[in-house]
Protein backbone atom coordinates (compact mmCIF):
# COMPACT_ATOMS: atom_id res chain seq x y z
CA MET A 1 0.37 -0.07 0.39
CA ILE A 2 1.33 3.17 -0.71
CA SER A 3 0.86 5.71 1.92
CA SER A 4 0.02 9.52 0.54
CA ILE A 5 -0.73 12.79 1.63
CA LYS A 6 -2.45 15.43 0.43
CA PHE A 7 -1.89 19.20 1.50
CA LYS A 8 -5.15 21.25 0.71
CA ASN A 9 -6.78 24.98 0.88
CA ILE A 10 -2.85 26.51 0.83
CA GLY A 11 -3.29 30.34 0.55
CA GLN A 12 -0.13 30.47 -1.40
CA LEU A 13 2.78 28.25 -1.96
CA VAL A 14 6.18 29.28 -2.41
CA THR A 15 8.81 27.60 -3.62
CA PHE A 16 11.85 27.69 -6.07
CA ALA A 17 11.41 26.32 -9.69
CA THR A 18 15.12 24.84 -10.99
CA VAL A 19 13.99 24.71 -14.07
CA ARG A 20 12.89 28.69 -14.32
CA ASN A 21 15.72 29.26 -11.47
CA LYS A 22 13.32 31.51 -10.18
CA LEU A 23 11.02 31.46 -6.26
CA ILE A 24 7.26 31.37 -7.73
CA THR A 25 4.18 31.78 -6.04
CA LEU A 26 0.91 29.64 -6.43
CA ALA A 27 -2.77 30.46 -4.81
CA ASP A 28 -5.11 28.16 -3.59
CA ALA A 29 -2.54 25.04 -4.21
CA GLU A 30 -2.72 21.39 -3.18
CA ILE A 31 0.19 19.33 -2.86
CA LEU A 32 0.53 15.52 -2.70
CA ILE A 33 2.83 12.72 -1.39
CA ASN A 34 3.43 9.56 -2.34
CA ASP A 35 5.71 7.13 -0.46
CA GLY A 36 7.90 10.50 0.82
CA HIS A 37 8.25 12.33 -2.26
CA ILE A 38 6.26 15.08 -3.57
CA SER A 39 4.51 13.66 -6.66
CA ALA A 40 2.04 16.63 -8.13
CA ILE A 41 1.54 20.31 -7.06
CA GLY A 42 -1.58 22.28 -8.27
CA SER A 43 -5.19 23.30 -7.62
CA LYS A 44 -6.56 20.20 -7.97
CA VAL A 45 -4.01 17.11 -7.83
CA GLY A 46 -6.16 13.89 -6.57
CA GLU A 47 -7.07 11.62 -3.73
CA ALA A 48 -4.80 10.64 -0.65
CA ASN A 49 -4.95 8.75 1.88
CA ILE A 50 -4.58 11.61 4.54
CA GLU A 51 -5.63 14.81 3.64
CA ILE A 52 -4.27 17.95 5.83
CA ASP A 53 -6.00 20.95 5.40
CA CYS A 54 -3.71 24.13 5.53
CA ARG A 55 -6.71 26.87 6.16
CA GLN A 56 -5.34 29.16 3.46
CA ALA A 57 -1.78 29.77 4.95
CA LEU A 58 1.29 30.32 3.57
CA VAL A 59 3.52 27.08 2.68
CA THR A 60 7.15 27.31 2.03
CA PRO A 61 9.74 24.73 2.28
CA GLY A 62 12.20 24.71 4.69
CA PHE A 63 15.30 26.56 3.67
CA VAL A 64 18.50 25.73 5.02
CA ASP A 65 20.26 29.31 5.92
CA PRO A 66 23.77 28.16 6.37
CA HIS A 67 25.46 31.45 7.65
CA THR A 68 27.73 32.85 9.81
CA HIS A 69 27.58 36.38 11.57
CA PRO A 70 29.93 39.38 11.13
CA VAL A 71 30.85 39.45 14.55
CA PHE A 72 33.17 36.90 13.17
CA LEU A 73 35.39 39.08 11.58
CA HIS A 74 38.10 36.16 10.26
CA GLY A 75 37.55 32.74 8.96
CA ARG A 76 36.52 29.85 11.54
CA VAL A 77 38.93 27.07 9.65
CA ASN A 78 40.38 26.77 13.26
CA GLU A 79 37.40 26.55 15.35
CA PHE A 80 36.00 23.59 12.75
CA GLU A 81 39.18 21.47 12.73
CA LEU A 82 38.44 21.73 16.50
CA ARG A 83 35.30 20.64 16.54
CA ILE A 84 36.24 18.25 14.29
CA LYS A 85 39.01 16.81 16.62
CA GLY A 86 36.15 16.67 19.33
CA ALA A 87 36.69 19.81 21.96
CA SER A 88 33.90 21.96 23.36
CA PHE A 89 32.10 24.72 22.47
CA GLN A 90 33.57 26.00 26.16
CA GLU A 91 37.30 24.67 25.00
CA ILE A 92 36.79 26.79 22.02
CA SER A 93 36.12 29.54 24.05
CA GLU A 94 39.32 29.66 25.60
CA VAL A 95 41.21 29.28 22.76
CA GLY A 96 39.86 32.42 21.44
């Protein structure tokens, strides 16, 4: 049995279209997921075992923002190397 989930009644769906290389926004959209993979996005995507009503909410992907804060003026390669070697944050802080 294929496990399927449908997110319905999405007010706005904001996602990145890799083919267009830009962010896109869809209104009144649905998302269909089969076996953990998005299989359809559109205004009507079909039936599913589980339906989740998004109540016209905004839906976005779980963006990951790898960054560092400007307070770090120099590279953090030494910190990274110490973490790989098992140093605690306290030990790294004591080194400076």
